[in-house]
Protein backbone atom coordinates (compact mmCIF):
# COMPACT_ATOMS: atom_id res chain seq x y z
CA MET A 1 118.22 110.31 96.82
CA GLN A 2 114.79 110.57 97.27
CA ASN A 3 114.66 109.69 93.25
CA SER A 4 116.50 106.52 93.67
CA LEU A 5 114.24 105.22 96.59
CA ALA A 6 111.03 106.46 94.34
CA ARG A 7 112.52 104.41 91.26
CA ILE A 8 112.81 101.60 93.95
CA ALA A 9 109.14 101.72 94.87
CA THR A 10 107.60 102.06 91.70
CA ILE A 11 109.66 98.71 90.71
CA VAL A 12 108.17 97.01 94.01
CA PHE A 13 105.02 98.33 93.98
CA HIS A 14 104.31 97.23 90.05
CA PRO A 15 100.56 97.61 89.09
CA LEU A 16 101.27 93.66 86.95
CA ILE A 17 102.52 92.72 90.99
CA MET A 18 99.23 93.17 92.18
CA PRO A 19 97.27 90.88 90.87
CA PRO A 20 98.82 87.98 91.94
CA LEU A 21 99.59 89.58 94.98
CA GLY A 22 95.92 89.94 95.32
CA MET A 23 95.09 86.08 94.77
CA LEU A 24 97.31 85.16 97.74
CA LEU A 25 95.73 87.43 99.78
CA LEU A 26 92.41 85.91 98.91
CA PHE A 27 93.41 82.32 99.49
CA ASN A 28 94.89 83.47 103.69
CA SER A 29 91.97 85.79 104.14
CA GLY A 30 89.70 83.69 106.38
CA THR A 31 87.41 82.73 104.19
CA TYR A 32 86.34 79.16 102.46
CA LEU A 33 88.86 79.60 100.48
CA ASP A 34 91.48 78.33 103.01
CA PHE A 35 89.59 74.74 102.62
CA LEU A 36 91.18 74.91 98.85
CA THR A 37 94.16 71.92 98.95
CA TYR A 38 97.10 73.12 98.45
CA SER A 39 97.17 71.56 94.76
CA HIS A 40 94.15 73.65 94.19
CA LYS A 41 95.76 76.96 95.15
CA ARG A 42 99.14 75.91 93.21
CA ALA A 43 96.79 75.54 89.98
CA ILE A 44 94.99 78.34 90.40
CA PHE A 45 97.91 80.89 90.99
CA LEU A 46 100.12 79.92 88.23
CA ILE A 47 97.07 80.30 85.97
CA PHE A 48 96.47 83.95 87.53
CA ILE A 49 99.85 84.45 87.39
CA THR A 50 100.77 83.62 84.07
CA GLY A 51 97.77 85.35 82.32
CA THR A 52 97.67 88.56 84.32
CA THR A 53 101.73 89.05 84.85
CA ILE A 54 103.92 87.22 82.90
CA LEU A 55 102.44 87.38 79.47
CA PRO A 56 101.85 90.98 79.67
CA MET A 57 105.25 91.77 80.80
CA SER A 58 106.49 89.34 78.13
CA LEU A 59 105.16 91.62 75.32
CA ILE A 60 107.61 94.73 77.00
CA PRO A 61 110.81 93.89 75.64
CA PHE A 62 108.96 93.43 71.98
CA MET A 63 107.05 96.18 72.11
CA LEU A 64 109.88 98.50 72.81
CA TYR A 65 111.79 96.81 69.93
CA GLN A 66 108.63 97.93 67.66
CA ARG A 67 108.56 101.30 68.75
CA THR A 68 105.19 100.91 69.97
CA ILE A 69 106.25 102.13 73.78
CA ARG A 70 109.05 104.52 74.30
CA ASN A 71 110.08 103.10 77.26
CA ILE A 72 108.78 101.03 80.31
CA GLY A 73 107.17 103.77 82.03
CA MET A 74 104.39 104.83 78.99
CA ASP A 75 104.99 107.97 79.93
CA ASP A 76 102.60 109.52 77.33
CA HIS A 77 98.78 108.00 78.40
CA ARG A 78 98.38 107.17 74.39
CA GLU A 79 101.15 104.54 74.74
CA ARG A 80 99.15 102.84 77.17
CA ILE A 81 96.48 102.44 75.01
CA LEU A 82 97.44 99.14 73.35
CA PRO A 83 99.53 97.36 76.44
CA LEU A 84 96.93 98.05 78.38
CA LEU A 85 94.16 96.59 75.85
CA ILE A 86 96.14 93.50 75.22
CA ALA A 87 96.71 92.96 78.70
CA VAL A 88 92.89 93.40 79.28
CA VAL A 89 92.77 90.15 76.61
CA PHE A 90 94.62 88.55 78.69
CA TYR A 91 92.85 89.13 81.66
CA ILE A 92 89.94 87.59 79.92
CA PHE A 93 91.21 85.07 78.76
CA THR A 94 92.78 83.99 82.12
CA TRP A 95 89.25 84.37 83.88
CA TYR A 96 88.09 81.68 80.75
CA MET A 97 90.56 79.35 81.75
CA LEU A 98 89.79 79.16 85.25
CA ALA A 99 85.97 79.43 84.78
CA ARG A 100 86.60 76.01 82.98
CA ILE A 101 88.22 74.65 85.58
CA ASN A 102 85.17 75.38 88.04
CA VAL A 103 87.23 77.63 90.46
CA PRO A 104 85.47 78.98 93.84
CA GLY A 105 82.75 81.84 93.34
CA LEU A 106 85.07 84.36 95.02
CA ILE A 107 88.57 83.89 92.72
CA ASN A 108 85.87 84.26 89.80
CA ILE A 109 84.50 87.38 91.08
CA TYR A 110 88.23 88.61 91.58
CA VAL A 111 89.45 88.04 88.12
CA ILE A 112 86.49 90.02 86.77
CA THR A 113 87.14 92.48 88.95
CA ALA A 114 90.69 92.66 87.95
CA SER A 115 89.51 92.80 84.34
CA LEU A 116 86.88 95.22 84.81
CA THR A 117 89.48 97.50 86.76
CA LEU A 118 92.10 97.10 84.14
CA LEU A 119 89.22 98.20 81.20
CA PHE A 120 88.47 101.30 82.82
CA CYS A 121 92.45 102.38 83.43
CA THR A 122 92.41 101.30 79.56
CA LEU A 123 88.90 103.67 79.13
CA ILE A 124 90.76 106.79 80.70
CA SER A 125 94.13 106.19 79.16
CA LEU A 126 92.24 107.16 75.98
CA ILE A 127 91.88 110.95 77.28
CA TRP A 128 94.01 111.08 80.24
CA LYS A 129 97.07 109.62 82.41
CA ILE A 130 95.71 108.02 85.58
CA SER A 131 97.81 106.43 87.87
CA LEU A 132 98.19 102.45 87.18
CA HIS A 133 100.42 102.16 90.14
CA MET A 134 97.68 104.11 92.23
CA THR A 135 94.48 101.69 90.49
CA ALA A 136 96.10 98.71 91.56
CA LEU A 137 96.68 99.94 95.16
CA GLY A 138 93.18 100.78 95.72
CA ALA A 139 91.72 97.66 93.94
CA LEU A 140 93.84 95.53 96.39
CA THR A 141 92.17 97.80 99.14
CA GLY A 142 88.77 97.76 97.99
CA MET A 143 88.54 93.79 97.81
CA LEU A 144 89.79 93.36 100.99
CA LEU A 145 87.55 96.08 102.31
CA ALA A 146 84.74 94.19 100.77
CA VAL A 147 86.03 90.74 101.80
CA ALA A 148 86.15 91.94 105.16
CA PHE A 149 82.96 93.43 105.14
CA ARG A 150 81.02 90.78 103.08
CA PHE A 151 82.48 87.48 105.20
CA GLY A 152 82.90 89.13 108.55
CA ILE A 153 86.32 88.77 108.76
CA ASN A 154 89.17 91.07 110.60
CA LEU A 155 91.25 91.99 108.02
CA GLN A 156 92.51 95.12 110.01
CA ILE A 157 96.79 94.26 109.82
CA TYR A 158 96.23 93.31 105.38
CA LEU A 159 94.16 97.01 105.70
CA ALA A 160 96.71 98.66 107.22
CA ILE A 161 99.90 97.71 105.60
CA PHE A 162 97.96 98.55 102.11
CA PHE A 163 97.82 101.93 103.55
CA LEU A 164 100.97 102.39 104.27
CA ILE A 165 102.16 100.79 100.69
CA ALA A 166 99.69 103.11 98.75
CA GLY A 167 100.98 105.94 100.83
CA ILE A 168 104.32 104.97 99.71
CA ALA A 169 103.68 104.13 96.42
CA GLY A 170 101.61 108.00 95.60
CA TRP A 171 104.70 109.59 97.26
CA ALA A 172 107.00 107.73 94.80
CA ARG A 173 105.04 108.84 91.83
CA LEU A 174 104.79 112.56 92.44
CA THR A 175 108.60 112.72 93.55
CA LEU A 176 109.21 111.31 90.29
CA LYS A 177 106.63 113.91 88.71
CA ALA A 178 105.47 110.92 86.62
CA HIS A 179 101.56 111.71 87.65
CA THR A 180 99.65 115.17 89.26
CA PRO A 181 98.00 114.94 92.80
CA ALA A 182 94.56 114.27 90.73
CA GLN A 183 96.06 111.24 88.42
CA ILE A 184 97.30 109.76 91.65
CA TYR A 185 93.48 110.46 93.71
CA ALA A 186 92.10 109.19 90.94
CA GLY A 187 93.75 106.02 90.13
CA TYR A 188 93.33 105.01 94.04
CA LEU A 189 89.11 105.72 94.52
CA GLY A 190 88.33 104.54 91.23
CA GLY A 191 90.64 101.09 92.44
CA THR A 192 88.77 101.34 95.54
CA ALA A 193 85.35 101.84 94.57
CA ILE A 194 85.05 99.44 91.50
CA ALA A 195 86.59 96.57 93.19
CA PHE A 196 84.65 96.92 96.56
CA PHE A 197 81.60 97.40 94.72
CA LEU A 198 82.12 94.26 93.05
CA MET A 199 83.58 92.17 95.40
CA PHE A 200 80.78 92.90 98.07
CA SER A 201 77.68 92.84 95.44
CA PHE A 202 78.08 89.38 93.70
């Protein structure tokens, strides 16, 4: 029963889902982005979710077929390097496409933050199996904290929800023996630190 719940949590809180979720949170965070029209938000979101989620996900069946990865979980950290590198390229291309339509600065730095967080995971994966789930959730937490401090906005409800989600996701990954506690904590703290610094500083 515990393993089944852990697998469900692993799927529901998948790392590829977090970047577009973060974009939706930005659109509804009480910043100047609230003044964007629905059509502008829709265009930005469609470009973003295509480059950061749909395209990376579409390559997974091909990589499984080519035996580049043995399973979706990519249990060996070395299996993650190529998929992550390709995802980084998609993220950079997404940033380029959004920059061409002159998106607001907060969106621009969010895409850069997502790209650099993914690059961080790629570099760490050369030598160690860091938790991608927890890094993605940490990045969302760091983004929310930065926006709250930078714009003086009360985002306590969002933060409480994502602290809870991070706890559930961490429990799930440990229950499935997918990671050690060190890999869980390193992912969450690393993602939080990178996102907070970048989103708050620029």
